[in-house]
Amino acid sequence: FSGVLAQDVLLALLELQDTLAGTTAWAPGAGRNVTLQDVCYAPLNPREPGVGDCAVSSVTQYFQNNRSRLALTAWQQDGKQQGTVDWHDHLIYCV
């Protein structure tokens, strides 16, 4: 894996998503600050969405937008083959 699927890029993407989720902007027409939950698409909680309700289309969704899950490794044995699996394997299994 390289390019946009490198682990350092995925970690940077998670950081950017966290920054965007915490961003506010003054909306003169509304007379208040607006946040992501004011403008996001939240089909499962459309009336009172929180940041976690916003639909995000990102490769990081395969790890629930969580750095700890991206860093997970596990021992796996498949027949006679043994080894450690990590985020690469998880992504391949998902897609």
N, C-alpha and C. Protein backbone atom coordinates (compact mmCIF):
# COMPACT_ATOMS: atom_id res chain seq x y z
N PHE A 1 0.84 -1.18 0.00
CA PHE A 1 0.00 0.00 0.00
C PHE A 1 0.89 1.24 0.00
N SER A 2 0.52 2.20 -0.81
CA SER A 2 1.26 3.46 -0.84
C SER A 2 0.29 4.58 -1.20
N GLY A 3 0.83 5.77 -1.35
CA GLY A 3 -0.01 6.90 -1.72
C GLY A 3 -1.06 7.21 -0.68
N VAL A 4 -2.30 7.33 -1.11
CA VAL A 4 -3.38 7.71 -0.18
C VAL A 4 -3.73 6.59 0.79
N LEU A 5 -3.26 5.38 0.54
CA LEU A 5 -3.54 4.28 1.46
C LEU A 5 -2.34 3.95 2.35
N ALA A 6 -1.45 4.90 2.55
CA ALA A 6 -0.36 4.73 3.50
C ALA A 6 -0.87 5.07 4.90
N GLN A 7 -0.34 4.40 5.90
CA GLN A 7 -0.86 4.61 7.25
C GLN A 7 -0.70 6.05 7.71
N ASP A 8 0.42 6.71 7.39
CA ASP A 8 0.59 8.09 7.82
C ASP A 8 -0.44 9.01 7.17
N VAL A 9 -0.85 8.71 5.95
CA VAL A 9 -1.89 9.50 5.29
C VAL A 9 -3.24 9.26 5.96
N LEU A 10 -3.54 8.01 6.29
CA LEU A 10 -4.79 7.71 6.98
C LEU A 10 -4.86 8.39 8.34
N LEU A 11 -3.74 8.41 9.06
CA LEU A 11 -3.71 9.10 10.35
C LEU A 11 -3.90 10.60 10.18
N ALA A 12 -3.30 11.18 9.15
CA ALA A 12 -3.49 12.60 8.88
C ALA A 12 -4.94 12.89 8.51
N LEU A 13 -5.56 11.98 7.77
CA LEU A 13 -6.97 12.14 7.40
C LEU A 13 -7.86 12.10 8.64
N LEU A 14 -7.56 11.20 9.56
CA LEU A 14 -8.33 11.16 10.82
C LEU A 14 -8.19 12.47 11.58
N GLU A 15 -6.99 13.03 11.61
CA GLU A 15 -6.77 14.31 12.30
C GLU A 15 -7.56 15.43 11.61
N LEU A 16 -7.54 15.45 10.28
CA LEU A 16 -8.30 16.46 9.54
C LEU A 16 -9.79 16.32 9.81
N GLN A 17 -10.30 15.11 9.81
CA GLN A 17 -11.72 14.89 10.09
C GLN A 17 -12.08 15.38 11.50
N ASP A 18 -11.22 15.14 12.47
CA ASP A 18 -11.47 15.63 13.84
C ASP A 18 -11.50 17.15 13.87
N THR A 19 -10.58 17.77 13.14
CA THR A 19 -10.53 19.23 13.08
C THR A 19 -11.81 19.79 12.45
N LEU A 20 -12.21 19.20 11.33
CA LEU A 20 -13.43 19.66 10.66
C LEU A 20 -14.67 19.44 11.52
N ALA A 21 -14.71 18.35 12.26
CA ALA A 21 -15.85 18.07 13.13
C ALA A 21 -15.98 19.11 14.24
N GLY A 22 -14.87 19.72 14.64
CA GLY A 22 -14.90 20.72 15.70
C GLY A 22 -14.96 22.15 15.21
N THR A 23 -15.05 22.35 13.90
CA THR A 23 -15.05 23.69 13.32
C THR A 23 -16.40 24.37 13.49
N THR A 24 -16.36 25.66 13.76
CA THR A 24 -17.57 26.47 13.81
C THR A 24 -17.40 27.66 12.87
N ALA A 25 -18.50 28.22 12.42
CA ALA A 25 -18.48 29.39 11.55
C ALA A 25 -19.67 30.27 11.91
N TRP A 26 -19.44 31.57 11.87
CA TRP A 26 -20.53 32.51 12.15
C TRP A 26 -21.46 32.57 10.95
N ALA A 27 -22.75 32.40 11.19
CA ALA A 27 -23.76 32.49 10.14
C ALA A 27 -24.60 33.73 10.40
N PRO A 28 -24.32 34.82 9.70
CA PRO A 28 -25.04 36.07 9.96
C PRO A 28 -26.55 35.94 9.83
N GLY A 29 -27.01 35.16 8.85
CA GLY A 29 -28.46 34.99 8.66
C GLY A 29 -29.12 34.32 9.84
N ALA A 30 -28.40 33.39 10.48
CA ALA A 30 -28.94 32.68 11.64
C ALA A 30 -28.64 33.42 12.94
N GLY A 31 -27.67 34.33 12.87
CA GLY A 31 -27.30 35.09 14.08
C GLY A 31 -26.59 34.23 15.11
N ARG A 32 -25.90 33.18 14.66
CA ARG A 32 -25.22 32.29 15.60
C ARG A 32 -24.11 31.53 14.89
N ASN A 33 -23.30 30.86 15.67
CA ASN A 33 -22.30 29.96 15.11
C ASN A 33 -22.98 28.68 14.66
N VAL A 34 -22.54 28.15 13.54
CA VAL A 34 -23.03 26.86 13.07
C VAL A 34 -21.89 25.86 13.13
N THR A 35 -22.25 24.61 13.28
CA THR A 35 -21.27 23.54 13.39
C THR A 35 -21.60 22.45 12.38
N LEU A 36 -20.78 21.43 12.34
CA LEU A 36 -21.00 20.33 11.41
C LEU A 36 -22.38 19.73 11.56
N GLN A 37 -22.83 19.51 12.79
CA GLN A 37 -24.13 18.87 12.96
C GLN A 37 -25.29 19.73 12.46
N ASP A 38 -25.06 21.03 12.25
CA ASP A 38 -26.10 21.89 11.67
C ASP A 38 -26.25 21.67 10.17
N VAL A 39 -25.21 21.19 9.51
CA VAL A 39 -25.24 21.08 8.06
C VAL A 39 -25.01 19.66 7.53
N CYS A 40 -24.74 18.71 8.41
CA CYS A 40 -24.41 17.37 7.92
C CYS A 40 -25.66 16.57 7.57
N TYR A 41 -25.42 15.52 6.80
CA TYR A 41 -26.47 14.55 6.46
C TYR A 41 -26.45 13.47 7.53
N ALA A 42 -27.51 13.37 8.31
CA ALA A 42 -27.59 12.42 9.42
C ALA A 42 -28.89 11.63 9.30
N PRO A 43 -28.92 10.63 8.41
CA PRO A 43 -30.18 9.92 8.15
C PRO A 43 -30.73 9.14 9.33
N LEU A 44 -29.89 8.74 10.28
CA LEU A 44 -30.37 7.95 11.41
C LEU A 44 -30.83 8.81 12.58
N ASN A 45 -30.50 10.09 12.56
CA ASN A 45 -30.93 11.01 13.61
C ASN A 45 -31.06 12.41 13.01
N PRO A 46 -32.01 12.62 12.10
CA PRO A 46 -32.09 13.88 11.38
C PRO A 46 -32.56 15.07 12.21
N ARG A 47 -33.28 14.84 13.30
CA ARG A 47 -33.83 15.96 14.07
C ARG A 47 -32.82 16.60 15.02
N GLU A 48 -32.01 15.81 15.68
CA GLU A 48 -31.04 16.32 16.65
C GLU A 48 -29.69 15.63 16.45
N PRO A 49 -29.05 15.82 15.30
CA PRO A 49 -27.81 15.08 15.05
C PRO A 49 -26.65 15.58 15.90
N GLY A 50 -25.84 14.65 16.34
CA GLY A 50 -24.55 14.97 16.94
C GLY A 50 -23.49 14.70 15.89
N VAL A 51 -22.26 15.07 16.16
CA VAL A 51 -21.19 14.85 15.19
C VAL A 51 -21.10 13.38 14.82
N GLY A 52 -21.30 12.48 15.77
CA GLY A 52 -21.23 11.05 15.50
C GLY A 52 -22.35 10.53 14.63
N ASP A 53 -23.41 11.31 14.45
CA ASP A 53 -24.53 10.89 13.61
C ASP A 53 -24.33 11.26 12.14
N CYS A 54 -23.39 12.15 11.86
CA CYS A 54 -23.18 12.62 10.49
C CYS A 54 -22.61 11.50 9.63
N ALA A 55 -23.18 11.32 8.45
CA ALA A 55 -22.69 10.32 7.51
C ALA A 55 -21.37 10.81 6.91
N VAL A 56 -20.35 9.99 7.01
CA VAL A 56 -19.02 10.33 6.49
C VAL A 56 -18.64 9.26 5.48
N SER A 57 -18.30 9.67 4.29
CA SER A 57 -17.82 8.73 3.28
C SER A 57 -16.31 8.89 3.21
N SER A 58 -15.62 7.97 3.87
CA SER A 58 -14.17 8.05 3.96
C SER A 58 -13.61 6.66 4.16
N VAL A 59 -12.40 6.44 3.66
CA VAL A 59 -11.74 5.15 3.86
C VAL A 59 -11.55 4.87 5.35
N THR A 60 -11.49 5.91 6.16
CA THR A 60 -11.30 5.70 7.60
C THR A 60 -12.53 5.09 8.27
N GLN A 61 -13.67 5.09 7.58
CA GLN A 61 -14.86 4.44 8.13
C GLN A 61 -14.65 2.94 8.33
N TYR A 62 -13.75 2.33 7.55
CA TYR A 62 -13.45 0.90 7.74
C TYR A 62 -12.84 0.63 9.11
N PHE A 63 -12.39 1.70 9.79
CA PHE A 63 -11.81 1.59 11.13
C PHE A 63 -12.62 2.40 12.13
N GLN A 64 -13.88 2.68 11.80
CA GLN A 64 -14.81 3.45 12.61
C GLN A 64 -14.22 4.81 13.00
N ASN A 65 -13.42 5.40 12.11
CA ASN A 65 -12.79 6.71 12.34
C ASN A 65 -12.03 6.73 13.66
N ASN A 66 -11.34 5.63 13.96
CA ASN A 66 -10.70 5.46 15.27
C ASN A 66 -9.24 5.07 15.09
N ARG A 67 -8.33 5.89 15.62
CA ARG A 67 -6.89 5.61 15.51
C ARG A 67 -6.50 4.28 16.14
N SER A 68 -7.11 3.95 17.25
CA SER A 68 -6.78 2.70 17.95
C SER A 68 -7.13 1.49 17.09
N ARG A 69 -8.26 1.56 16.41
CA ARG A 69 -8.65 0.43 15.55
C ARG A 69 -7.75 0.34 14.31
N LEU A 70 -7.28 1.48 13.83
CA LEU A 70 -6.35 1.47 12.70
C LEU A 70 -5.02 0.83 13.11
N ALA A 71 -4.64 0.98 14.37
CA ALA A 71 -3.35 0.46 14.85
C ALA A 71 -3.41 -1.00 15.31
N LEU A 72 -4.60 -1.59 15.37
CA LEU A 72 -4.73 -2.96 15.87
C LEU A 72 -3.99 -3.97 15.00
N THR A 73 -3.44 -4.97 15.66
CA THR A 73 -2.88 -6.13 14.98
C THR A 73 -3.42 -7.37 15.66
N ALA A 74 -3.37 -8.49 14.97
CA ALA A 74 -3.86 -9.75 15.54
C ALA A 74 -3.09 -10.91 14.94
N TRP A 75 -2.93 -11.95 15.72
CA TRP A 75 -2.31 -13.18 15.26
C TRP A 75 -3.37 -13.98 14.54
N GLN A 76 -3.03 -14.53 13.37
CA GLN A 76 -4.00 -15.30 12.60
C GLN A 76 -3.33 -16.53 12.02
N GLN A 77 -4.07 -17.62 12.05
CA GLN A 77 -3.61 -18.85 11.40
C GLN A 77 -4.68 -19.29 10.43
N ASP A 78 -4.29 -19.50 9.19
CA ASP A 78 -5.20 -19.94 8.14
C ASP A 78 -4.58 -21.18 7.51
N GLY A 79 -5.03 -22.32 7.99
CA GLY A 79 -4.41 -23.56 7.54
C GLY A 79 -2.99 -23.64 8.08
N LYS A 80 -2.04 -23.79 7.20
CA LYS A 80 -0.63 -23.85 7.62
C LYS A 80 0.02 -22.48 7.66
N GLN A 81 -0.65 -21.45 7.09
CA GLN A 81 -0.09 -20.10 7.10
C GLN A 81 -0.40 -19.42 8.41
N GLN A 82 0.62 -18.80 8.99
CA GLN A 82 0.47 -18.06 10.24
C GLN A 82 1.10 -16.69 10.07
N GLY A 83 0.61 -15.76 10.84
CA GLY A 83 1.22 -14.44 10.79
C GLY A 83 0.37 -13.40 11.49
N THR A 84 0.89 -12.22 11.51
CA THR A 84 0.20 -11.09 12.12
C THR A 84 -0.54 -10.32 11.03
N VAL A 85 -1.79 -10.02 11.28
CA VAL A 85 -2.59 -9.21 10.37
C VAL A 85 -2.74 -7.82 10.96
N ASP A 86 -2.88 -6.85 10.08
CA ASP A 86 -3.00 -5.46 10.54
C ASP A 86 -4.02 -4.73 9.68
N TRP A 87 -3.93 -3.41 9.65
CA TRP A 87 -4.91 -2.59 8.94
C TRP A 87 -4.96 -2.92 7.45
N HIS A 88 -3.83 -3.30 6.86
CA HIS A 88 -3.82 -3.67 5.44
C HIS A 88 -4.81 -4.82 5.19
N ASP A 89 -4.68 -5.86 6.01
CA ASP A 89 -5.53 -7.04 5.86
C ASP A 89 -6.99 -6.71 6.10
N HIS A 90 -7.23 -5.91 7.11
CA HIS A 90 -8.61 -5.51 7.44
C HIS A 90 -9.25 -4.78 6.24
N LEU A 91 -8.51 -3.88 5.65
CA LEU A 91 -9.02 -3.13 4.50
C LEU A 91 -9.30 -4.06 3.32
N ILE A 92 -8.39 -4.97 3.07
CA ILE A 92 -8.59 -5.93 1.97
C ILE A 92 -9.85 -6.78 2.22
N TYR A 93 -10.03 -7.27 3.46
CA TYR A 93 -11.20 -8.08 3.78
C TYR A 93 -12.50 -7.28 3.57
N CYS A 94 -12.46 -5.99 3.90
CA CYS A 94 -13.68 -5.17 3.81
C CYS A 94 -14.05 -4.81 2.38
N VAL A 95 -13.07 -4.56 1.57
CA VAL A 95 -13.39 -4.13 0.21
C VAL A 95 -13.37 -5.30 -0.73
